[in-house]
């Protein structure tokens, strides 16, 4: 009878171990899936950061180009003003001086 009881105990332990092994396997599959999901999310974030950096570089390039065009326009206006050779008002001249 003792051997029958120990046989039942061993069988129960084996069933328990098998169930635990199945649960462990399911847990491993779950962890693998979580890891794969996290890896994909990391790749998505990395791609977003790369895209943001590319947009930032493009924005800087566009702003630099606009600044260069504005500098060129200012230079042209300065040259035109110099070409006009407008006489300067004499020192001490104010707009309240009576006309001559």
PDB file of N, CA and C in Angstrom:
ATOM      1  N   UNK A   1       0.798  -1.168   0.000  1.00  0.00           N
ATOM      2  CA  UNK A   1       0.000   0.000   0.000  1.00  0.00           C
ATOM      3  C   UNK A   1       0.855   1.251   0.000  1.00  0.00           C
ATOM      4  N   UNK A   2       1.960   1.161   0.693  1.00  0.00           N
ATOM      5  CA  UNK A   2       2.867   2.290   0.722  1.00  0.00           C
ATOM      6  C   UNK A   2       3.417   2.562  -0.678  1.00  0.00           C
ATOM      7  N   UNK A   3       3.668   1.491  -1.418  1.00  0.00           N
ATOM      8  CA  UNK A   3       4.202   1.708  -2.765  1.00  0.00           C
ATOM      9  C   UNK A   3       3.125   2.286  -3.677  1.00  0.00           C
ATOM     10  N   UNK A   4       1.868   1.920  -3.480  1.00  0.00           N
ATOM     11  CA  UNK A   4       0.782   2.474  -4.279  1.00  0.00           C
ATOM     12  C   UNK A   4       0.632   3.953  -3.971  1.00  0.00           C
ATOM     13  N   UNK A   5       0.745   4.289  -2.692  1.00  0.00           N
ATOM     14  CA  UNK A   5       0.632   5.699  -2.290  1.00  0.00           C
ATOM     15  C   UNK A   5       1.801   6.505  -2.856  1.00  0.00           C
ATOM     16  N   UNK A   6       3.001   5.976  -2.783  1.00  0.00           N
ATOM     17  CA  UNK A   6       4.150   6.698  -3.321  1.00  0.00           C
ATOM     18  C   UNK A   6       4.054   6.790  -4.839  1.00  0.00           C
ATOM     19  N   UNK A   7       3.469   5.768  -5.478  1.00  0.00           N
ATOM     20  CA  UNK A   7       3.277   5.825  -6.918  1.00  0.00           C
ATOM     21  C   UNK A   7       2.285   6.933  -7.275  1.00  0.00           C
ATOM     22  N   UNK A   8       1.219   7.052  -6.499  1.00  0.00           N
ATOM     23  CA  UNK A   8       0.232   8.112  -6.728  1.00  0.00           C
ATOM     24  C   UNK A   8       0.877   9.473  -6.467  1.00  0.00           C
ATOM     25  N   UNK A   9       1.677   9.555  -5.408  1.00  0.00           N
ATOM     26  CA  UNK A   9       2.372  10.811  -5.101  1.00  0.00           C
ATOM     27  C   UNK A   9       3.321  11.193  -6.227  1.00  0.00           C
ATOM     28  N   UNK A  10       4.042  10.217  -6.738  1.00  0.00           N
ATOM     29  CA  UNK A  10       4.965  10.500  -7.841  1.00  0.00           C
ATOM     30  C   UNK A  10       4.206  10.941  -9.088  1.00  0.00           C
ATOM     31  N   UNK A  11       3.091  10.278  -9.371  1.00  0.00           N
ATOM     32  CA  UNK A  11       2.292  10.631 -10.540  1.00  0.00           C
ATOM     33  C   UNK A  11       1.725  12.053 -10.358  1.00  0.00           C
ATOM     34  N   UNK A  12       1.254  12.363  -9.161  1.00  0.00           N
ATOM     35  CA  UNK A  12       0.729  13.706  -8.889  1.00  0.00           C
ATOM     36  C   UNK A  12       1.839  14.745  -9.050  1.00  0.00           C
ATOM     37  N   UNK A  13       3.000  14.432  -8.538  1.00  0.00           N
ATOM     38  CA  UNK A  13       4.134  15.354  -8.677  1.00  0.00           C
ATOM     39  C   UNK A  13       4.502  15.519 -10.153  1.00  0.00           C
ATOM     40  N   UNK A  14       4.451  14.442 -10.900  1.00  0.00           N
ATOM     41  CA  UNK A  14       4.773  14.513 -12.321  1.00  0.00           C
ATOM     42  C   UNK A  14       3.750  15.390 -13.053  1.00  0.00           C
ATOM     43  N   UNK A  15       2.468  15.214 -12.756  1.00  0.00           N
ATOM     44  CA  UNK A  15       1.424  16.021 -13.388  1.00  0.00           C
ATOM     45  C   UNK A  15       1.622  17.486 -13.012  1.00  0.00           C
ATOM     46  N   UNK A  16       1.917  17.736 -11.734  1.00  0.00           N
ATOM     47  CA  UNK A  16       2.161  19.110 -11.295  1.00  0.00           C
ATOM     48  C   UNK A  16       3.359  19.717 -12.023  1.00  0.00           C
ATOM     49  N   UNK A  17       4.416  18.928 -12.132  1.00  0.00           N
ATOM     50  CA  UNK A  17       5.615  19.415 -12.829  1.00  0.00           C
ATOM     51  C   UNK A  17       5.325  19.674 -14.305  1.00  0.00           C
ATOM     52  N   UNK A  18       4.534  18.795 -14.933  1.00  0.00           N
ATOM     53  CA  UNK A  18       4.186  18.982 -16.333  1.00  0.00           C
ATOM     54  C   UNK A  18       3.354  20.255 -16.516  1.00  0.00           C
ATOM     55  N   UNK A  19       2.412  20.490 -15.625  1.00  0.00           N
ATOM     56  CA  UNK A  19       1.602  21.703 -15.701  1.00  0.00           C
ATOM     57  C   UNK A  19       2.460  22.950 -15.492  1.00  0.00           C
ATOM     58  N   UNK A  20       3.380  22.863 -14.540  1.00  0.00           N
ATOM     59  CA  UNK A  20       4.282  23.990 -14.306  1.00  0.00           C
ATOM     60  C   UNK A  20       5.175  24.227 -15.518  1.00  0.00           C
ATOM     61  N   UNK A  21       5.619  23.143 -16.137  1.00  0.00           N
ATOM     62  CA  UNK A  21       6.450  23.269 -17.334  1.00  0.00           C
ATOM     63  C   UNK A  21       5.660  23.927 -18.467  1.00  0.00           C
ATOM     64  N   UNK A  22       4.400  23.519 -18.646  1.00  0.00           N
ATOM     65  CA  UNK A  22       3.550  24.122 -19.673  1.00  0.00           C
ATOM     66  C   UNK A  22       3.364  25.608 -19.377  1.00  0.00           C
ATOM     67  N   UNK A  23       3.067  25.940 -18.119  1.00  0.00           N
ATOM     68  CA  UNK A  23       2.911  27.353 -17.740  1.00  0.00           C
ATOM     69  C   UNK A  23       4.200  28.123 -17.968  1.00  0.00           C
ATOM     70  N   UNK A  24       5.320  27.492 -17.621  1.00  0.00           N
ATOM     71  CA  UNK A  24       6.616  28.130 -17.843  1.00  0.00           C
ATOM     72  C   UNK A  24       6.844  28.368 -19.328  1.00  0.00           C
ATOM     73  N   UNK A  25       6.492  27.371 -20.148  1.00  0.00           N
ATOM     74  CA  UNK A  25       6.622  27.527 -21.601  1.00  0.00           C
ATOM     75  C   UNK A  25       5.733  28.643 -22.118  1.00  0.00           C
ATOM     76  N   UNK A  26       4.489  28.705 -21.625  1.00  0.00           N
ATOM     77  CA  UNK A  26       3.587  29.792 -22.019  1.00  0.00           C
ATOM     78  C   UNK A  26       4.148  31.141 -21.580  1.00  0.00           C
ATOM     79  N   UNK A  27       4.705  31.159 -20.365  1.00  0.00           N
ATOM     80  CA  UNK A  27       5.314  32.394 -19.878  1.00  0.00           C
ATOM     81  C   UNK A  27       6.492  32.812 -20.742  1.00  0.00           C
ATOM     82  N   UNK A  28       7.288  31.831 -21.164  1.00  0.00           N
ATOM     83  CA  UNK A  28       8.429  32.131 -22.023  1.00  0.00           C
ATOM     84  C   UNK A  28       7.967  32.705 -23.353  1.00  0.00           C
ATOM     85  N   UNK A  29       6.898  32.122 -23.919  1.00  0.00           N
ATOM     86  CA  UNK A  29       6.356  32.631 -25.175  1.00  0.00           C
ATOM     87  C   UNK A  29       5.875  34.063 -24.979  1.00  0.00           C
ATOM     88  N   UNK A  30       5.203  34.311 -23.839  1.00  0.00           N
ATOM     89  CA  UNK A  30       4.740  35.671 -23.548  1.00  0.00           C
ATOM     90  C   UNK A  30       5.882  36.659 -23.427  1.00  0.00           C
ATOM     91  N   UNK A  31       6.945  36.242 -22.748  1.00  0.00           N
ATOM     92  CA  UNK A  31       8.109  37.119 -22.582  1.00  0.00           C
ATOM     93  C   UNK A  31       8.776  37.357 -23.927  1.00  0.00           C
ATOM     94  N   UNK A  32       8.879  36.323 -24.741  1.00  0.00           N
ATOM     95  CA  UNK A  32       9.457  36.496 -26.082  1.00  0.00           C
ATOM     96  C   UNK A  32       8.647  37.481 -26.900  1.00  0.00           C
ATOM     97  N   UNK A  33       7.313  37.384 -26.803  1.00  0.00           N
ATOM     98  CA  UNK A  33       6.454  38.296 -27.552  1.00  0.00           C
ATOM     99  C   UNK A  33       6.610  39.727 -27.035  1.00  0.00           C
ATOM    100  N   UNK A  34       6.685  39.897 -25.715  1.00  0.00           N
ATOM    101  CA  UNK A  34       6.895  41.234 -25.147  1.00  0.00           C
ATOM    102  C   UNK A  34       8.228  41.807 -25.616  1.00  0.00           C
ATOM    103  N   UNK A  35       9.250  40.958 -25.638  1.00  0.00           N
ATOM    104  CA  UNK A  35      10.560  41.420 -26.090  1.00  0.00           C
ATOM    105  C   UNK A  35      10.505  41.834 -27.558  1.00  0.00           C
ATOM    106  N   UNK A  36       9.833  41.037 -28.384  1.00  0.00           N
ATOM    107  CA  UNK A  36       9.710  41.368 -29.806  1.00  0.00           C
ATOM    108  C   UNK A  36       8.937  42.671 -29.979  1.00  0.00           C
ATOM    109  N   UNK A  37       7.856  42.848 -29.201  1.00  0.00           N
ATOM    110  CA  UNK A  37       7.085  44.091 -29.278  1.00  0.00           C
ATOM    111  C   UNK A  37       7.937  45.290 -28.871  1.00  0.00           C
ATOM    112  N   UNK A  38       8.704  45.122 -27.793  1.00  0.00           N
ATOM    113  CA  UNK A  38       9.567  46.210 -27.327  1.00  0.00           C
ATOM    114  C   UNK A  38      10.634  46.533 -28.369  1.00  0.00           C
ATOM    115  N   UNK A  39      11.172  45.505 -29.008  1.00  0.00           N
ATOM    116  CA  UNK A  39      12.187  45.714 -30.042  1.00  0.00           C
ATOM    117  C   UNK A  39      11.595  46.485 -31.222  1.00  0.00           C
ATOM    118  N   UNK A  40      10.367  46.150 -31.613  1.00  0.00           N
ATOM    119  CA  UNK A  40       9.711  46.872 -32.707  1.00  0.00           C
ATOM    120  C   UNK A  40       9.413  48.312 -32.305  1.00  0.00           C
ATOM    121  N   UNK A  41       8.967  48.496 -31.073  1.00  0.00           N
ATOM    122  CA  UNK A  41       8.687  49.857 -30.615  1.00  0.00           C
ATOM    123  C   UNK A  41       9.975  50.681 -30.571  1.00  0.00           C
ATOM    124  N   UNK A  42      11.063  50.068 -30.128  1.00  0.00           N
ATOM    125  CA  UNK A  42      12.357  50.754 -30.119  1.00  0.00           C
ATOM    126  C   UNK A  42      12.749  51.165 -31.538  1.00  0.00           C
ATOM    127  N   UNK A  43      12.554  50.278 -32.500  1.00  0.00           N
ATOM    128  CA  UNK A  43      12.888  50.600 -33.896  1.00  0.00           C
ATOM    129  C   UNK A  43      12.014  51.748 -34.395  1.00  0.00           C
ATOM    130  N   UNK A  44      10.739  51.752 -34.016  1.00  0.00           N
ATOM    131  CA  UNK A  44       9.848  52.846 -34.418  1.00  0.00           C
ATOM    132  C   UNK A  44      10.319  54.178 -33.848  1.00  0.00           C
ATOM    133  N   UNK A  45      10.698  54.169 -32.573  1.00  0.00           N
ATOM    134  CA  UNK A  45      11.174  55.406 -31.935  1.00  0.00           C
ATOM    135  C   UNK A  45      12.472  55.869 -32.591  1.00  0.00           C
ATOM    136  N   UNK A  46      13.357  54.933 -32.862  1.00  0.00           N
ATOM    137  CA  UNK A  46      14.621  55.278 -33.523  1.00  0.00           C
ATOM    138  C   UNK A  46      14.349  55.894 -34.894  1.00  0.00           C
ATOM    139  N   UNK A  47      13.429  55.310 -35.646  1.00  0.00           N
ATOM    140  CA  UNK A  47      13.084  55.848 -36.964  1.00  0.00           C
ATOM    141  C   UNK A  47      12.483  57.241 -36.850  1.00  0.00           C
ATOM    142  N   UNK A  48      11.643  57.453 -35.832  1.00  0.00           N
ATOM    143  CA  UNK A  48      11.080  58.784 -35.617  1.00  0.00           C
ATOM    144  C   UNK A  48      12.176  59.802 -35.319  1.00  0.00           C
ATOM    145  N   UNK A  49      13.134  59.402 -34.474  1.00  0.00           N
ATOM    146  CA  UNK A  49      14.228  60.316 -34.142  1.00  0.00           C
ATOM    147  C   UNK A  49      15.071  60.642 -35.370  1.00  0.00           C
ATOM    148  N   UNK A  50      15.321  59.652 -36.200  1.00  0.00           N
ATOM    149  CA  UNK A  50      16.078  59.885 -37.430  1.00  0.00           C
ATOM    150  C   UNK A  50      15.310  60.846 -38.334  1.00  0.00           C
ATOM    151  N   UNK A  51      14.009  60.634 -38.458  1.00  0.00           N
ATOM    152  CA  UNK A  51      13.190  61.512 -39.304  1.00  0.00           C
ATOM    153  C   UNK A  51      13.165  62.932 -38.743  1.00  0.00           C
ATOM    154  N   UNK A  52      13.058  63.047 -37.417  1.00  0.00           N
ATOM    155  CA  UNK A  52      13.073  64.378 -36.799  1.00  0.00           C
ATOM    156  C   UNK A  52      14.399  65.076 -37.067  1.00  0.00           C
ATOM    157  N   UNK A  53      15.488  64.347 -36.959  1.00  0.00           N
ATOM    158  CA  UNK A  53      16.815  64.920 -37.198  1.00  0.00           C
ATOM    159  C   UNK A  53      16.943  65.371 -38.651  1.00  0.00           C
ATOM    160  N   UNK A  54      16.438  64.557 -39.573  1.00  0.00           N
ATOM    161  CA  UNK A  54      16.500  64.933 -40.984  1.00  0.00           C
ATOM    162  C   UNK A  54      15.677  66.185 -41.248  1.00  0.00           C
ATOM    163  N   UNK A  55      14.492  66.280 -40.622  1.00  0.00           N
ATOM    164  CA  UNK A  55      13.669  67.485 -40.786  1.00  0.00           C
ATOM    165  C   UNK A  55      14.373  68.695 -40.187  1.00  0.00           C
ATOM    166  N   UNK A  56      15.030  68.501 -39.049  1.00  0.00           N
ATOM    167  CA  UNK A  56      15.731  69.598 -38.397  1.00  0.00           C
ATOM    168  C   UNK A  56      16.862  70.099 -39.291  1.00  0.00           C
ATOM    169  N   UNK A  57      17.607  69.183 -39.881  1.00  0.00           N
ATOM    170  CA  UNK A  57      18.691  69.572 -40.783  1.00  0.00           C
ATOM    171  C   UNK A  57      18.122  70.311 -41.986  1.00  0.00           C
ATOM    172  N   UNK A  58      17.024  69.797 -42.536  1.00  0.00           N
ATOM    173  CA  UNK A  58      16.400  70.455 -43.694  1.00  0.00           C
ATOM    174  C   UNK A  58      15.906  71.852 -43.314  1.00  0.00           C
ATOM    175  N   UNK A  59      15.330  71.988 -42.115  1.00  0.00           N
ATOM    176  CA  UNK A  59      14.869  73.308 -41.660  1.00  0.00           C
ATOM    177  C   UNK A  59      16.037  74.282 -41.546  1.00  0.00           C
ATOM    178  N   UNK A  60      17.141  73.814 -40.974  1.00  0.00           N
ATOM    179  CA  UNK A  60      18.321  74.683 -40.842  1.00  0.00           C
ATOM    180  C   UNK A  60      18.850  75.088 -42.215  1.00  0.00           C
ATOM    181  N   UNK A  61      18.881  74.143 -43.131  1.00  0.00           N
ATOM    182  CA  UNK A  61      19.365  74.461 -44.475  1.00  0.00           C
ATOM    183  C   UNK A  61      18.451  75.481 -45.150  1.00  0.00           C
ATOM    184  N   UNK A  62      17.145  75.309 -44.993  1.00  0.00           N
ATOM    185  CA  UNK A  62      16.191  76.241 -45.592  1.00  0.00           C
ATOM    186  C   UNK A  62      16.332  77.634 -44.965  1.00  0.00           C
ATOM    187  N   UNK A  63      16.499  77.699 -43.655  1.00  0.00           N
ATOM    188  CA  UNK A  63      16.667  78.988 -42.979  1.00  0.00           C
ATOM    189  C   UNK A  63      17.973  79.644 -43.401  1.00  0.00           C
ATOM    190  N   UNK A  64      19.047  78.863 -43.496  1.00  0.00           N
ATOM    191  CA  UNK A  64      20.327  79.410 -43.949  1.00  0.00           C
ATOM    192  C   UNK A  64      20.213  79.974 -45.362  1.00  0.00           C
ATOM    193  N   UNK A  65      19.497  79.270 -46.236  1.00  0.00           N
ATOM    194  CA  UNK A  65      19.316  79.746 -47.619  1.00  0.00           C
ATOM    195  C   UNK A  65      18.530  81.055 -47.637  1.00  0.00           C
ATOM    196  N   UNK A  66      17.478  81.141 -46.821  1.00  0.00           N
ATOM    197  CA  UNK A  66      16.694  82.398 -46.746  1.00  0.00           C
ATOM    198  C   UNK A  66      17.562  83.535 -46.220  1.00  0.00           C
ATOM    199  N   UNK A  67      18.376  83.260 -45.212  1.00  0.00           N
ATOM    200  CA  UNK A  67      19.256  84.283 -44.660  1.00  0.00           C
ATOM    201  C   UNK A  67      20.247  84.762 -45.715  1.00  0.00           C
ATOM    202  N   UNK A  68      20.805  83.831 -46.473  1.00  0.00           N
ATOM    203  CA  UNK A  68      21.740  84.205 -47.543  1.00  0.00           C
ATOM    204  C   UNK A  68      21.059  85.088 -48.591  1.00  0.00           C
ATOM    205  N   UNK A  69      19.814  84.734 -48.961  1.00  0.00           N
ATOM    206  CA  UNK A  69      19.087  85.553 -49.933  1.00  0.00           C
ATOM    207  C   UNK A  69      18.818  86.954 -49.369  1.00  0.00           C
ATOM    208  N   UNK A  70      18.465  87.027 -48.092  1.00  0.00           N
ATOM    209  CA  UNK A  70      18.216  88.337 -47.480  1.00  0.00           C
ATOM    210  C   UNK A  70      19.488  89.169 -47.424  1.00  0.00           C
ATOM    211  N   UNK A  71      20.612  88.539 -47.091  1.00  0.00           N
ATOM    212  CA  UNK A  71      21.886  89.263 -47.085  1.00  0.00           C
ATOM    213  C   UNK A  71      22.190  89.814 -48.470  1.00  0.00           C
ATOM    214  N   UNK A  72      21.940  89.023 -49.506  1.00  0.00           N
ATOM    215  CA  UNK A  72      22.192  89.474 -50.876  1.00  0.00           C
ATOM    216  C   UNK A  72      21.283  90.648 -51.221  1.00  0.00           C
ATOM    217  N   UNK A  73      20.019  90.593 -50.820  1.00  0.00           N
ATOM    218  CA  UNK A  73      19.094  91.704 -51.090  1.00  0.00           C
ATOM    219  C   UNK A  73      19.544  92.976 -50.379  1.00  0.00           C
ATOM    220  N   UNK A  74      19.990  92.840 -49.135  1.00  0.00           N
ATOM    221  CA  UNK A  74      20.464  94.015 -48.387  1.00  0.00           C
ATOM    222  C   UNK A  74      21.682  94.609 -49.081  1.00  0.00           C
ATOM    223  N   UNK A  75      22.571  93.764 -49.560  1.00  0.00           N
ATOM    224  CA  UNK A  75      23.757  94.255 -50.262  1.00  0.00           C
ATOM    225  C   UNK A  75      23.372  95.028 -51.519  1.00  0.00           C
ATOM    226  N   UNK A  76      22.387  94.511 -52.262  1.00  0.00           N
ATOM    227  CA  UNK A  76      21.922  95.186 -53.472  1.00  0.00           C
ATOM    228  C   UNK A  76      21.332  96.544 -53.110  1.00  0.00           C
ATOM    229  N   UNK A  77      20.529  96.598 -52.069  1.00  0.00           N
ATOM    230  CA  UNK A  77      19.919  97.872 -51.653  1.00  0.00           C
ATOM    231  C   UNK A  77      21.000  98.849 -51.206  1.00  0.00           C
ATOM    232  N   UNK A  78      21.979  98.372 -50.480  1.00  0.00           N
ATOM    233  CA  UNK A  78      23.071  99.250 -50.045  1.00  0.00           C
ATOM    234  C   UNK A  78      23.820  99.821 -51.248  1.00  0.00           C
ATOM    235  N   UNK A  79      24.066  98.978 -52.264  1.00  0.00           N
ATOM    236  CA  UNK A  79      24.748  99.456 -53.474  1.00  0.00           C
ATOM    237  C   UNK A  79      23.912 100.500 -54.204  1.00  0.00           C
ATOM    238  N   UNK A  80      22.623 100.275 -54.305  1.00  0.00           N
ATOM    239  CA  UNK A  80      21.750 101.245 -54.971  1.00  0.00           C
ATOM    240  C   UNK A  80      21.733 102.576 -54.220  1.00  0.00           C
ATOM    241  N   UNK A  81      21.710 102.511 -52.908  1.00  0.00           N
ATOM    242  CA  UNK A  81      21.753 103.743 -52.117  1.00  0.00           C
ATOM    243  C   UNK A  81      23.063 104.479 -52.378  1.00  0.00           C
ATOM    244  N   UNK A  82      24.156 103.733 -52.429  1.00  0.00           N
ATOM    245  CA  UNK A  82      25.459 104.354 -52.683  1.00  0.00           C
ATOM    246  C   UNK A  82      25.504 104.955 -54.080  1.00  0.00           C
ATOM    247  N   UNK A  83      24.856 104.323 -55.065  1.00  0.00           N
ATOM    248  CA  UNK A  83      24.838 104.832 -56.434  1.00  0.00           C
ATOM    249  C   UNK A  83      24.020 106.116 -56.551  1.00  0.00           C
ATOM    250  N   UNK A  84      23.012 106.242 -55.719  1.00  0.00           N
ATOM    251  CA  UNK A  84      22.183 107.447 -55.771  1.00  0.00           C
ATOM    252  C   UNK A  84      22.981 108.686 -55.382  1.00  0.00           C
ATOM    253  N   UNK A  85      23.982 108.493 -54.569  1.00  0.00           N
ATOM    254  CA  UNK A  85      24.856 109.578 -54.114  1.00  0.00           C
ATOM    255  C   UNK A  85      24.021 110.771 -53.627  1.00  0.00           C
ATOM    256  N   UNK A  86      23.103 110.477 -52.742  1.00  0.00           N
ATOM    257  CA  UNK A  86      22.241 111.510 -52.172  1.00  0.00           C
ATOM    258  C   UNK A  86      23.083 112.364 -51.239  1.00  0.00           C
ATOM    259  N   UNK A  87      23.028 113.687 -51.445  1.00  0.00           N
ATOM    260  CA  UNK A  87      23.818 114.538 -50.550  1.00  0.00           C
ATOM    261  C   UNK A  87      23.285 114.438 -49.128  1.00  0.00           C
ATOM    262  N   UNK A  88      24.197 114.479 -48.243  1.00  0.00           N
ATOM    263  CA  UNK A  88      23.817 114.395 -46.842  1.00  0.00           C
ATOM    264  C   UNK A  88      23.447 115.784 -46.346  1.00  0.00           C
ATOM    265  N   UNK A  89      22.627 115.817 -45.341  1.00  0.00           N
ATOM    266  CA  UNK A  89      22.256 117.099 -44.740  1.00  0.00           C
ATOM    267  C   UNK A  89      23.452 117.643 -43.972  1.00  0.00           C
ATOM    268  N   UNK A  90      23.578 118.926 -43.955  1.00  0.00           N
ATOM    269  CA  UNK A  90      24.707 119.500 -43.209  1.00  0.00           C
ATOM    270  C   UNK A  90      24.561 119.229 -41.706  1.00  0.00           C
ATOM    271  N   UNK A  91      25.661 119.248 -41.039  1.00  0.00           N
ATOM    272  CA  UNK A  91      25.638 119.017 -39.608  1.00  0.00           C
ATOM    273  C   UNK A  91      24.787 120.065 -38.926  1.00  0.00           C
ATOM    274  N   UNK A  92      24.013 119.645 -37.968  1.00  0.00           N
ATOM    275  CA  UNK A  92      23.165 120.544 -37.243  1.00  0.00           C
ATOM    276  C   UNK A  92      21.842 120.841 -37.914  1.00  0.00           C
ATOM    277  N   UNK A  93      21.595 120.325 -39.099  1.00  0.00           N
ATOM    278  CA  UNK A  93      20.346 120.557 -39.817  1.00  0.00           C
ATOM    279  C   UNK A  93      19.235 119.803 -39.121  1.00  0.00           C
ATOM    280  N   UNK A  94      18.115 120.456 -38.912  1.00  0.00           N
ATOM    281  CA  UNK A  94      16.938 119.797 -38.353  1.00  0.00           C
ATOM    282  C   UNK A  94      15.754 120.060 -39.238  1.00  0.00           C
ATOM    283  N   UNK A  95      14.719 119.309 -39.082  1.00  0.00           N
ATOM    284  CA  UNK A  95      13.523 119.499 -39.919  1.00  0.00           C
ATOM    285  C   UNK A  95      12.753 120.721 -39.524  1.00  0.00           C
ATOM    286  N   UNK A  96      13.079 121.345 -38.390  1.00  0.00           N
ATOM    287  CA  UNK A  96      12.359 122.555 -37.961  1.00  0.00           C
ATOM    288  C   UNK A  96      13.038 123.837 -38.465  1.00  0.00           C
ATOM    289  N   UNK A  97      14.187 123.665 -39.145  1.00  0.00           N
ATOM    290  CA  UNK A  97      14.858 124.847 -39.701  1.00  0.00           C
ATOM    291  C   UNK A  97      13.977 125.471 -40.783  1.00  0.00           C
ATOM    292  N   UNK A  98      13.885 126.795 -40.857  1.00  0.00           N
ATOM    293  CA  UNK A  98      13.080 127.435 -41.893  1.00  0.00           C
ATOM    294  C   UNK A  98      13.704 127.185 -43.260  1.00  0.00           C
ATOM    295  N   UNK A  99      12.876 127.063 -44.286  1.00  0.00           N
ATOM    296  CA  UNK A  99      13.431 126.842 -45.631  1.00  0.00           C
ATOM    297  C   UNK A  99      14.272 128.059 -46.056  1.00  0.00           C
ATOM    298  N   UNK A 100      15.281 127.838 -46.847  1.00  0.00           N
ATOM    299  CA  UNK A 100      16.184 128.886 -47.282  1.00  0.00           C
ATOM    300  C   UNK A 100      15.624 129.682 -48.429  1.00  0.00           C
TER     301      UNK A 100
END
